[in-house]
Amino acid sequence: MYARVITVLVDVYRIDRAIQIYEECVLPAIKLREGGIGAMLLADRSTGRGISISLWEDKEALLAAQESGFMQEQIRKFSAMLIGTPDIEALEVAIKDP
């Protein structure tokens, strides 16, 4: 299993809207994508810092989501709210508790 970890800074006045978009649009899209397992969003409402962790069945599914433009399409949904450039990492899930 692999994880894509994206760290962003969002305008604090728009963080509730960003959370809503993630819940209503991004999460379902990841689950519908081949190899997508699910995702979670961590947020600090006081600073606007957010961390998205999406889980993928394997490295191929994770890379396919990036190479097809899927990942960039999801990030664009937040473009008007973002401060700076997202930090994007791909990591192997070494341990996961069910």
PDB file of N, CA and C in Angstrom:
ATOM      1  N   MET A   1       0.852  -1.173   0.000  1.00  0.00           N
ATOM      2  CA  MET A   1       0.000   0.000   0.000  1.00  0.00           C
ATOM      3  C   MET A   1       0.898   1.237   0.000  1.00  0.00           C
ATOM      4  N   TYR A   2       0.420   2.276  -0.677  1.00  0.00           N
ATOM      5  CA  TYR A   2       1.163   3.535  -0.762  1.00  0.00           C
ATOM      6  C   TYR A   2       0.258   4.698  -0.363  1.00  0.00           C
ATOM      7  N   ALA A   3       0.894   5.781   0.051  1.00  0.00           N
ATOM      8  CA  ALA A   3       0.164   6.982   0.455  1.00  0.00           C
ATOM      9  C   ALA A   3       0.725   8.195  -0.268  1.00  0.00           C
ATOM     10  N   ARG A   4      -0.177   9.058  -0.688  1.00  0.00           N
ATOM     11  CA  ARG A   4       0.234  10.373  -1.188  1.00  0.00           C
ATOM     12  C   ARG A   4      -0.076  11.353  -0.077  1.00  0.00           C
ATOM     13  N   VAL A   5       0.940  12.100   0.327  1.00  0.00           N
ATOM     14  CA  VAL A   5       0.796  13.068   1.410  1.00  0.00           C
ATOM     15  C   VAL A   5       0.993  14.459   0.815  1.00  0.00           C
ATOM     16  N   ILE A   6      -0.030  15.279   0.930  1.00  0.00           N
ATOM     17  CA  ILE A   6       0.024  16.640   0.389  1.00  0.00           C
ATOM     18  C   ILE A   6      -0.208  17.608   1.538  1.00  0.00           C
ATOM     19  N   THR A   7       0.751  18.481   1.744  1.00  0.00           N
ATOM     20  CA  THR A   7       0.654  19.494   2.795  1.00  0.00           C
ATOM     21  C   THR A   7       0.404  20.847   2.136  1.00  0.00           C
ATOM     22  N   VAL A   8      -0.604  21.556   2.636  1.00  0.00           N
ATOM     23  CA  VAL A   8      -0.978  22.844   2.051  1.00  0.00           C
ATOM     24  C   VAL A   8      -1.193  23.886   3.151  1.00  0.00           C
ATOM     25  N   LEU A   9      -1.203  25.118   2.723  1.00  0.00           N
ATOM     26  CA  LEU A   9      -1.594  26.223   3.581  1.00  0.00           C
ATOM     27  C   LEU A   9      -2.763  26.909   2.883  1.00  0.00           C
ATOM     28  N   VAL A  10      -3.882  26.999   3.603  1.00  0.00           N
ATOM     29  CA  VAL A  10      -5.124  27.557   3.055  1.00  0.00           C
ATOM     30  C   VAL A  10      -5.456  28.841   3.808  1.00  0.00           C
ATOM     31  N   ASP A  11      -6.031  29.786   3.117  1.00  0.00           N
ATOM     32  CA  ASP A  11      -6.536  31.005   3.744  1.00  0.00           C
ATOM     33  C   ASP A  11      -7.463  30.596   4.898  1.00  0.00           C
ATOM     34  N   VAL A  12      -7.153  31.036   6.123  1.00  0.00           N
ATOM     35  CA  VAL A  12      -7.920  30.600   7.295  1.00  0.00           C
ATOM     36  C   VAL A  12      -9.404  30.964   7.195  1.00  0.00           C
ATOM     37  N   TYR A  13      -9.726  31.981   6.439  1.00  0.00           N
ATOM     38  CA  TYR A  13     -11.118  32.375   6.287  1.00  0.00           C
ATOM     39  C   TYR A  13     -11.870  31.467   5.316  1.00  0.00           C
ATOM     40  N   ARG A  14     -11.125  30.596   4.624  1.00  0.00           N
ATOM     41  CA  ARG A  14     -11.749  29.706   3.643  1.00  0.00           C
ATOM     42  C   ARG A  14     -11.543  28.232   3.982  1.00  0.00           C
ATOM     43  N   ILE A  15     -11.017  27.962   5.162  1.00  0.00           N
ATOM     44  CA  ILE A  15     -10.699  26.575   5.495  1.00  0.00           C
ATOM     45  C   ILE A  15     -11.943  25.697   5.612  1.00  0.00           C
ATOM     46  N   ASP A  16     -13.037  26.239   6.125  1.00  0.00           N
ATOM     47  CA  ASP A  16     -14.263  25.438   6.207  1.00  0.00           C
ATOM     48  C   ASP A  16     -14.740  25.035   4.813  1.00  0.00           C
ATOM     49  N   ARG A  17     -14.629  25.938   3.870  1.00  0.00           N
ATOM     50  CA  ARG A  17     -15.006  25.619   2.483  1.00  0.00           C
ATOM     51  C   ARG A  17     -14.059  24.568   1.904  1.00  0.00           C
ATOM     52  N   ALA A  18     -12.780  24.674   2.202  1.00  0.00           N
ATOM     53  CA  ALA A  18     -11.809  23.681   1.713  1.00  0.00           C
ATOM     54  C   ALA A  18     -12.127  22.295   2.267  1.00  0.00           C
ATOM     55  N   ILE A  19     -12.483  22.220   3.535  1.00  0.00           N
ATOM     56  CA  ILE A  19     -12.851  20.948   4.149  1.00  0.00           C
ATOM     57  C   ILE A  19     -14.095  20.376   3.473  1.00  0.00           C
ATOM     58  N   GLN A  20     -15.052  21.223   3.194  1.00  0.00           N
ATOM     59  CA  GLN A  20     -16.286  20.791   2.525  1.00  0.00           C
ATOM     60  C   GLN A  20     -15.978  20.231   1.130  1.00  0.00           C
ATOM     61  N   ILE A  21     -15.146  20.913   0.366  1.00  0.00           N
ATOM     62  CA  ILE A  21     -14.779  20.446  -0.975  1.00  0.00           C
ATOM     63  C   ILE A  21     -14.073  19.097  -0.891  1.00  0.00           C
ATOM     64  N   TYR A  22     -13.179  18.955   0.077  1.00  0.00           N
ATOM     65  CA  TYR A  22     -12.460  17.692   0.236  1.00  0.00           C
ATOM     66  C   TYR A  22     -13.440  16.560   0.522  1.00  0.00           C
ATOM     67  N   GLU A  23     -14.359  16.804   1.436  1.00  0.00           N
ATOM     68  CA  GLU A  23     -15.315  15.766   1.830  1.00  0.00           C
ATOM     69  C   GLU A  23     -16.286  15.413   0.697  1.00  0.00           C
ATOM     70  N   GLU A  24     -16.786  16.427   0.000  1.00  0.00           N
ATOM     71  CA  GLU A  24     -17.815  16.204  -1.012  1.00  0.00           C
ATOM     72  C   GLU A  24     -17.271  15.836  -2.391  1.00  0.00           C
ATOM     73  N   CYS A  25     -16.046  16.243  -2.694  1.00  0.00           N
ATOM     74  CA  CYS A  25     -15.522  16.040  -4.053  1.00  0.00           C
ATOM     75  C   CYS A  25     -14.281  15.140  -4.107  1.00  0.00           C
ATOM     76  N   VAL A  26     -13.278  15.473  -3.319  1.00  0.00           N
ATOM     77  CA  VAL A  26     -12.005  14.759  -3.411  1.00  0.00           C
ATOM     78  C   VAL A  26     -12.112  13.339  -2.881  1.00  0.00           C
ATOM     79  N   LEU A  27     -12.634  13.170  -1.693  1.00  0.00           N
ATOM     80  CA  LEU A  27     -12.735  11.840  -1.091  1.00  0.00           C
ATOM     81  C   LEU A  27     -13.515  10.868  -1.980  1.00  0.00           C
ATOM     82  N   PRO A  28     -14.709  11.240  -2.457  1.00  0.00           N
ATOM     83  CA  PRO A  28     -15.422  10.310  -3.340  1.00  0.00           C
ATOM     84  C   PRO A  28     -14.652  10.004  -4.631  1.00  0.00           C
ATOM     85  N   ALA A  29     -13.962  10.993  -5.182  1.00  0.00           N
ATOM     86  CA  ALA A  29     -13.210  10.792  -6.424  1.00  0.00           C
ATOM     87  C   ALA A  29     -12.083   9.779  -6.218  1.00  0.00           C
ATOM     88  N   ILE A  30     -11.413   9.851  -5.078  1.00  0.00           N
ATOM     89  CA  ILE A  30     -10.335   8.901  -4.787  1.00  0.00           C
ATOM     90  C   ILE A  30     -10.903   7.490  -4.658  1.00  0.00           C
ATOM     91  N   LYS A  31     -12.021   7.353  -3.986  1.00  0.00           N
ATOM     92  CA  LYS A  31     -12.629   6.036  -3.804  1.00  0.00           C
ATOM     93  C   LYS A  31     -13.103   5.436  -5.129  1.00  0.00           C
ATOM     94  N   LEU A  32     -13.499   6.271  -6.069  1.00  0.00           N
ATOM     95  CA  LEU A  32     -13.962   5.785  -7.368  1.00  0.00           C
ATOM     96  C   LEU A  32     -12.811   5.463  -8.320  1.00  0.00           C
ATOM     97  N   ARG A  33     -11.661   6.012  -8.056  1.00  0.00           N
ATOM     98  CA  ARG A  33     -10.492   5.807  -8.924  1.00  0.00           C
ATOM     99  C   ARG A  33      -9.941   4.405  -8.721  1.00  0.00           C
ATOM    100  N   GLU A  34      -9.571   3.746  -9.808  1.00  0.00           N
ATOM    101  CA  GLU A  34      -9.003   2.399  -9.706  1.00  0.00           C
ATOM    102  C   GLU A  34      -7.750   2.423  -8.834  1.00  0.00           C
ATOM    103  N   GLY A  35      -7.722   1.569  -7.816  1.00  0.00           N
ATOM    104  CA  GLY A  35      -6.590   1.494  -6.909  1.00  0.00           C
ATOM    105  C   GLY A  35      -6.689   2.438  -5.728  1.00  0.00           C
ATOM    106  N   GLY A  36      -7.678   3.326  -5.735  1.00  0.00           N
ATOM    107  CA  GLY A  36      -7.857   4.260  -4.619  1.00  0.00           C
ATOM    108  C   GLY A  36      -8.572   3.575  -3.465  1.00  0.00           C
ATOM    109  N   ILE A  37      -8.023   3.670  -2.291  1.00  0.00           N
ATOM    110  CA  ILE A  37      -8.605   3.024  -1.113  1.00  0.00           C
ATOM    111  C   ILE A  37      -9.429   4.012  -0.300  1.00  0.00           C
ATOM    112  N   GLY A  38      -8.922   5.194  -0.116  1.00  0.00           N
ATOM    113  CA  GLY A  38      -9.600   6.204   0.685  1.00  0.00           C
ATOM    114  C   GLY A  38      -8.636   7.323   1.030  1.00  0.00           C
ATOM    115  N   ALA A  39      -9.076   8.206   1.905  1.00  0.00           N
ATOM    116  CA  ALA A  39      -8.243   9.351   2.249  1.00  0.00           C
ATOM    117  C   ALA A  39      -8.682   9.947   3.576  1.00  0.00           C
ATOM    118  N   MET A  40      -7.829  10.792   4.107  1.00  0.00           N
ATOM    119  CA  MET A  40      -8.180  11.563   5.293  1.00  0.00           C
ATOM    120  C   MET A  40      -7.577  12.951   5.153  1.00  0.00           C
ATOM    121  N   LEU A  41      -8.191  13.892   5.834  1.00  0.00           N
ATOM    122  CA  LEU A  41      -7.712  15.272   5.822  1.00  0.00           C
ATOM    123  C   LEU A  41      -7.480  15.708   7.258  1.00  0.00           C
ATOM    124  N   LEU A  42      -6.281  16.169   7.529  1.00  0.00           N
ATOM    125  CA  LEU A  42      -5.949  16.735   8.832  1.00  0.00           C
ATOM    126  C   LEU A  42      -5.909  18.247   8.662  1.00  0.00           C
ATOM    127  N   ALA A  43      -6.469  18.981   9.621  1.00  0.00           N
ATOM    128  CA  ALA A  43      -6.548  20.436   9.462  1.00  0.00           C
ATOM    129  C   ALA A  43      -6.307  21.155  10.775  1.00  0.00           C
ATOM    130  N   ASP A  44      -5.646  22.292  10.678  1.00  0.00           N
ATOM    131  CA  ASP A  44      -5.490  23.209  11.796  1.00  0.00           C
ATOM    132  C   ASP A  44      -6.231  24.479  11.397  1.00  0.00           C
ATOM    133  N   ARG A  45      -7.420  24.636  11.927  1.00  0.00           N
ATOM    134  CA  ARG A  45      -8.259  25.777  11.540  1.00  0.00           C
ATOM    135  C   ARG A  45      -7.644  27.122  11.931  1.00  0.00           C
ATOM    136  N   SER A  46      -6.801  27.136  12.943  1.00  0.00           N
ATOM    137  CA  SER A  46      -6.227  28.413  13.393  1.00  0.00           C
ATOM    138  C   SER A  46      -5.104  28.903  12.485  1.00  0.00           C
ATOM    139  N   THR A  47      -4.418  27.993  11.780  1.00  0.00           N
ATOM    140  CA  THR A  47      -3.308  28.392  10.912  1.00  0.00           C
ATOM    141  C   THR A  47      -3.599  28.191   9.434  1.00  0.00           C
ATOM    142  N   GLY A  48      -4.596  27.360   9.117  1.00  0.00           N
ATOM    143  CA  GLY A  48      -4.898  27.047   7.732  1.00  0.00           C
ATOM    144  C   GLY A  48      -4.078  25.906   7.166  1.00  0.00           C
ATOM    145  N   ARG A  49      -3.280  25.277   8.004  1.00  0.00           N
ATOM    146  CA  ARG A  49      -2.443  24.157   7.541  1.00  0.00           C
ATOM    147  C   ARG A  49      -3.301  22.911   7.383  1.00  0.00           C
ATOM    148  N   GLY A  50      -3.117  22.236   6.252  1.00  0.00           N
ATOM    149  CA  GLY A  50      -3.853  21.008   5.993  1.00  0.00           C
ATOM    150  C   GLY A  50      -2.940  19.939   5.460  1.00  0.00           C
ATOM    151  N   ILE A  51      -3.234  18.698   5.814  1.00  0.00           N
ATOM    152  CA  ILE A  51      -2.478  17.553   5.309  1.00  0.00           C
ATOM    153  C   ILE A  51      -3.478  16.533   4.786  1.00  0.00           C
ATOM    154  N   SER A  52      -3.378  16.231   3.516  1.00  0.00           N
ATOM    155  CA  SER A  52      -4.204  15.208   2.885  1.00  0.00           C
ATOM    156  C   SER A  52      -3.379  13.939   2.774  1.00  0.00           C
ATOM    157  N   ILE A  53      -3.964  12.832   3.196  1.00  0.00           N
ATOM    158  CA  ILE A  53      -3.307  11.533   3.062  1.00  0.00           C
ATOM    159  C   ILE A  53      -4.265  10.632   2.284  1.00  0.00           C
ATOM    160  N   SER A  54      -3.895  10.301   1.060  1.00  0.00           N
ATOM    161  CA  SER A  54      -4.699   9.379   0.268  1.00  0.00           C
ATOM    162  C   SER A  54      -3.983   8.039   0.201  1.00  0.00           C
ATOM    163  N   LEU A  55      -4.754   6.971   0.273  1.00  0.00           N
ATOM    164  CA  LEU A  55      -4.195   5.621   0.280  1.00  0.00           C
ATOM    165  C   LEU A  55      -4.489   4.919  -1.035  1.00  0.00           C
ATOM    166  N   TRP A  56      -3.479   4.200  -1.527  1.00  0.00           N
ATOM    167  CA  TRP A  56      -3.548   3.537  -2.825  1.00  0.00           C
ATOM    168  C   TRP A  56      -3.107   2.086  -2.685  1.00  0.00           C
ATOM    169  N   GLU A  57      -3.742   1.202  -3.442  1.00  0.00           N
ATOM    170  CA  GLU A  57      -3.455  -0.222  -3.346  1.00  0.00           C
ATOM    171  C   GLU A  57      -1.983  -0.546  -3.573  1.00  0.00           C
ATOM    172  N   ASP A  58      -1.379   0.117  -4.547  1.00  0.00           N
ATOM    173  CA  ASP A  58       0.015  -0.164  -4.876  1.00  0.00           C
ATOM    174  C   ASP A  58       0.655   1.068  -5.515  1.00  0.00           C
ATOM    175  N   LYS A  59       1.953   0.956  -5.757  1.00  0.00           N
ATOM    176  CA  LYS A  59       2.698   2.081  -6.308  1.00  0.00           C
ATOM    177  C   LYS A  59       2.196   2.454  -7.703  1.00  0.00           C
ATOM    178  N   GLU A  60       1.779   1.458  -8.470  1.00  0.00           N
ATOM    179  CA  GLU A  60       1.297   1.707  -9.826  1.00  0.00           C
ATOM    180  C   GLU A  60       0.036   2.577  -9.806  1.00  0.00           C
ATOM    181  N   ALA A  61      -0.887   2.290  -8.900  1.00  0.00           N
ATOM    182  CA  ALA A  61      -2.121   3.091  -8.794  1.00  0.00           C
ATOM    183  C   ALA A  61      -1.799   4.518  -8.368  1.00  0.00           C
ATOM    184  N   LEU A  62      -0.875   4.658  -7.429  1.00  0.00           N
ATOM    185  CA  LEU A  62      -0.466   5.987  -6.964  1.00  0.00           C
ATOM    186  C   LEU A  62       0.141   6.788  -8.112  1.00  0.00           C
ATOM    187  N   LEU A  63       1.040   6.168  -8.862  1.00  0.00           N
ATOM    188  CA  LEU A  63       1.688   6.854  -9.986  1.00  0.00           C
ATOM    189  C   LEU A  63       0.700   7.158 -11.103  1.00  0.00           C
ATOM    190  N   ALA A  64      -0.235   6.244 -11.354  1.00  0.00           N
ATOM    191  CA  ALA A  64      -1.235   6.466 -12.404  1.00  0.00           C
ATOM    192  C   ALA A  64      -2.096   7.685 -12.088  1.00  0.00           C
ATOM    193  N   ALA A  65      -2.421   7.874 -10.809  1.00  0.00           N
ATOM    194  CA  ALA A  65      -3.224   9.039 -10.411  1.00  0.00           C
ATOM    195  C   ALA A  65      -2.478  10.337 -10.675  1.00  0.00           C
ATOM    196  N   GLN A  66      -1.172  10.301 -10.571  1.00  0.00           N
ATOM    197  CA  GLN A  66      -0.367  11.488 -10.830  1.00  0.00           C
ATOM    198  C   GLN A  66      -0.175  11.694 -12.333  1.00  0.00           C
ATOM    199  N   GLU A  67       0.191  10.639 -13.029  1.00  0.00           N
ATOM    200  CA  GLU A  67       0.514  10.747 -14.450  1.00  0.00           C
ATOM    201  C   GLU A  67      -0.709  11.060 -15.310  1.00  0.00           C
ATOM    202  N   SER A  68      -1.887  10.664 -14.865  1.00  0.00           N
ATOM    203  CA  SER A  68      -3.111  10.924 -15.635  1.00  0.00           C
ATOM    204  C   SER A  68      -3.632  12.350 -15.451  1.00  0.00           C
ATOM    205  N   GLY A  69      -3.084  13.062 -14.476  1.00  0.00           N
ATOM    206  CA  GLY A  69      -3.573  14.412 -14.177  1.00  0.00           C
ATOM    207  C   GLY A  69      -4.638  14.433 -13.097  1.00  0.00           C
ATOM    208  N   PHE A  70      -5.032  13.256 -12.595  1.00  0.00           N
ATOM    209  CA  PHE A  70      -6.065  13.168 -11.560  1.00  0.00           C
ATOM    210  C   PHE A  70      -5.679  13.978 -10.320  1.00  0.00           C
ATOM    211  N   MET A  71      -4.451  13.799  -9.845  1.00  0.00           N
ATOM    212  CA  MET A  71      -4.004  14.492  -8.639  1.00  0.00           C
ATOM    213  C   MET A  71      -4.040  16.017  -8.848  1.00  0.00           C
ATOM    214  N   GLN A  72      -3.533  16.458  -9.980  1.00  0.00           N
ATOM    215  CA  GLN A  72      -3.506  17.888 -10.269  1.00  0.00           C
ATOM    216  C   GLN A  72      -4.922  18.449 -10.365  1.00  0.00           C
ATOM    217  N   GLU A  73      -5.838  17.659 -10.914  1.00  0.00           N
ATOM    218  CA  GLU A  73      -7.239  18.077 -11.019  1.00  0.00           C
ATOM    219  C   GLU A  73      -7.842  18.297  -9.628  1.00  0.00           C
ATOM    220  N   GLN A  74      -7.522  17.434  -8.693  1.00  0.00           N
ATOM    221  CA  GLN A  74      -8.042  17.565  -7.333  1.00  0.00           C
ATOM    222  C   GLN A  74      -7.455  18.807  -6.652  1.00  0.00           C
ATOM    223  N   ILE A  75      -6.166  19.030  -6.829  1.00  0.00           N
ATOM    224  CA  ILE A  75      -5.509  20.196  -6.217  1.00  0.00           C
ATOM    225  C   ILE A  75      -6.094  21.493  -6.780  1.00  0.00           C
ATOM    226  N   ARG A  76      -6.413  21.514  -8.069  1.00  0.00           N
ATOM    227  CA  ARG A  76      -6.978  22.724  -8.696  1.00  0.00           C
ATOM    228  C   ARG A  76      -8.288  23.148  -8.044  1.00  0.00           C
ATOM    229  N   LYS A  77      -9.008  22.238  -7.442  1.00  0.00           N
ATOM    230  CA  LYS A  77     -10.267  22.579  -6.783  1.00  0.00           C
ATOM    231  C   LYS A  77     -10.054  23.559  -5.632  1.00  0.00           C
ATOM    232  N   PHE A  78      -8.813  23.661  -5.162  1.00  0.00           N
ATOM    233  CA  PHE A  78      -8.488  24.523  -4.030  1.00  0.00           C
ATOM    234  C   PHE A  78      -7.627  25.722  -4.429  1.00  0.00           C
ATOM    235  N   SER A  79      -7.363  25.899  -5.703  1.00  0.00           N
ATOM    236  CA  SER A  79      -6.388  26.896  -6.156  1.00  0.00           C
ATOM    237  C   SER A  79      -6.667  28.308  -5.658  1.00  0.00           C
ATOM    238  N   ALA A  80      -7.925  28.709  -5.567  1.00  0.00           N
ATOM    239  CA  ALA A  80      -8.250  30.066  -5.111  1.00  0.00           C
ATOM    240  C   ALA A  80      -8.037  30.232  -3.612  1.00  0.00           C
ATOM    241  N   MET A  81      -7.875  29.147  -2.883  1.00  0.00           N
ATOM    242  CA  MET A  81      -7.747  29.194  -1.422  1.00  0.00           C
ATOM    243  C   MET A  81      -6.324  28.996  -0.934  1.00  0.00           C
ATOM    244  N   LEU A  82      -5.467  28.437  -1.798  1.00  0.00           N
ATOM    245  CA  LEU A  82      -4.125  28.063  -1.369  1.00  0.00           C
ATOM    246  C   LEU A  82      -3.193  29.260  -1.233  1.00  0.00           C
ATOM    247  N   ILE A  83      -2.350  29.171  -0.244  1.00  0.00           N
ATOM    248  CA  ILE A  83      -1.275  30.137  -0.055  1.00  0.00           C
ATOM    249  C   ILE A  83       0.014  29.361  -0.315  1.00  0.00           C
ATOM    250  N   GLY A  84       0.703  29.702  -1.374  1.00  0.00           N
ATOM    251  CA  GLY A  84       1.921  28.983  -1.723  1.00  0.00           C
ATOM    252  C   GLY A  84       1.637  27.701  -2.496  1.00  0.00           C
ATOM    253  N   THR A  85       2.682  26.911  -2.666  1.00  0.00           N
ATOM    254  CA  THR A  85       2.631  25.683  -3.443  1.00  0.00           C
ATOM    255  C   THR A  85       2.519  24.477  -2.521  1.00  0.00           C
ATOM    256  N   PRO A  86       1.634  23.538  -2.844  1.00  0.00           N
ATOM    257  CA  PRO A  86       1.532  22.337  -2.011  1.00  0.00           C
ATOM    258  C   PRO A  86       2.836  21.535  -2.014  1.00  0.00           C
ATOM    259  N   ASP A  87       3.117  20.910  -0.892  1.00  0.00           N
ATOM    260  CA  ASP A  87       4.260  19.997  -0.768  1.00  0.00           C
ATOM    261  C   ASP A  87       3.692  18.590  -0.958  1.00  0.00           C
ATOM    262  N   ILE A  88       4.221  17.850  -1.946  1.00  0.00           N
ATOM    263  CA  ILE A  88       3.657  16.550  -2.312  1.00  0.00           C
ATOM    264  C   ILE A  88       4.710  15.462  -2.146  1.00  0.00           C
ATOM    265  N   GLU A  89       4.318  14.402  -1.428  1.00  0.00           N
ATOM    266  CA  GLU A  89       5.206  13.261  -1.229  1.00  0.00           C
ATOM    267  C   GLU A  89       4.457  11.970  -1.521  1.00  0.00           C
ATOM    268  N   ALA A  90       5.183  10.951  -1.940  1.00  0.00           N
ATOM    269  CA  ALA A  90       4.641   9.605  -2.097  1.00  0.00           C
ATOM    270  C   ALA A  90       5.456   8.690  -1.192  1.00  0.00           C
ATOM    271  N   LEU A  91       4.747   7.961  -0.322  1.00  0.00           N
ATOM    272  CA  LEU A  91       5.419   7.122   0.660  1.00  0.00           C
ATOM    273  C   LEU A  91       4.795   5.738   0.709  1.00  0.00           C
ATOM    274  N   GLU A  92       5.607   4.747   0.999  1.00  0.00           N
ATOM    275  CA  GLU A  92       5.093   3.411   1.228  1.00  0.00           C
ATOM    276  C   GLU A  92       4.465   3.365   2.631  1.00  0.00           C
ATOM    277  N   VAL A  93       3.332   2.710   2.747  1.00  0.00           N
ATOM    278  CA  VAL A  93       2.712   2.512   4.057  1.00  0.00           C
ATOM    279  C   VAL A  93       3.395   1.290   4.681  1.00  0.00           C
ATOM    280  N   ALA A  94       4.217   1.536   5.675  1.00  0.00           N
ATOM    281  CA  ALA A  94       4.979   0.459   6.303  1.00  0.00           C
ATOM    282  C   ALA A  94       4.132  -0.338   7.293  1.00  0.00           C
ATOM    283  N   ILE A  95       3.274   0.349   8.026  1.00  0.00           N
ATOM    284  CA  ILE A  95       2.378  -0.296   9.001  1.00  0.00           C
ATOM    285  C   ILE A  95       1.046   0.421   8.959  1.00  0.00           C
ATOM    286  N   LYS A  96      -0.033  -0.366   8.944  1.00  0.00           N
ATOM    287  CA  LYS A  96      -1.376   0.211   9.009  1.00  0.00           C
ATOM    288  C   LYS A  96      -2.212  -0.657   9.932  1.00  0.00           C
ATOM    289  N   ASP A  97      -2.820  -0.045  10.894  1.00  0.00           N
ATOM    290  CA  ASP A  97      -3.728  -0.752  11.788  1.00  0.00           C
ATOM    291  C   ASP A  97      -5.115  -0.724  11.147  1.00  0.00           C
ATOM    292  N   PRO A  98      -5.749  -1.881  10.985  1.00  0.00           N
ATOM    293  CA  PRO A  98      -7.039  -1.909  10.294  1.00  0.00           C
ATOM    294  C   PRO A  98      -8.014  -1.010  10.983  1.00  0.00           C
TER     295      PRO A  98
END
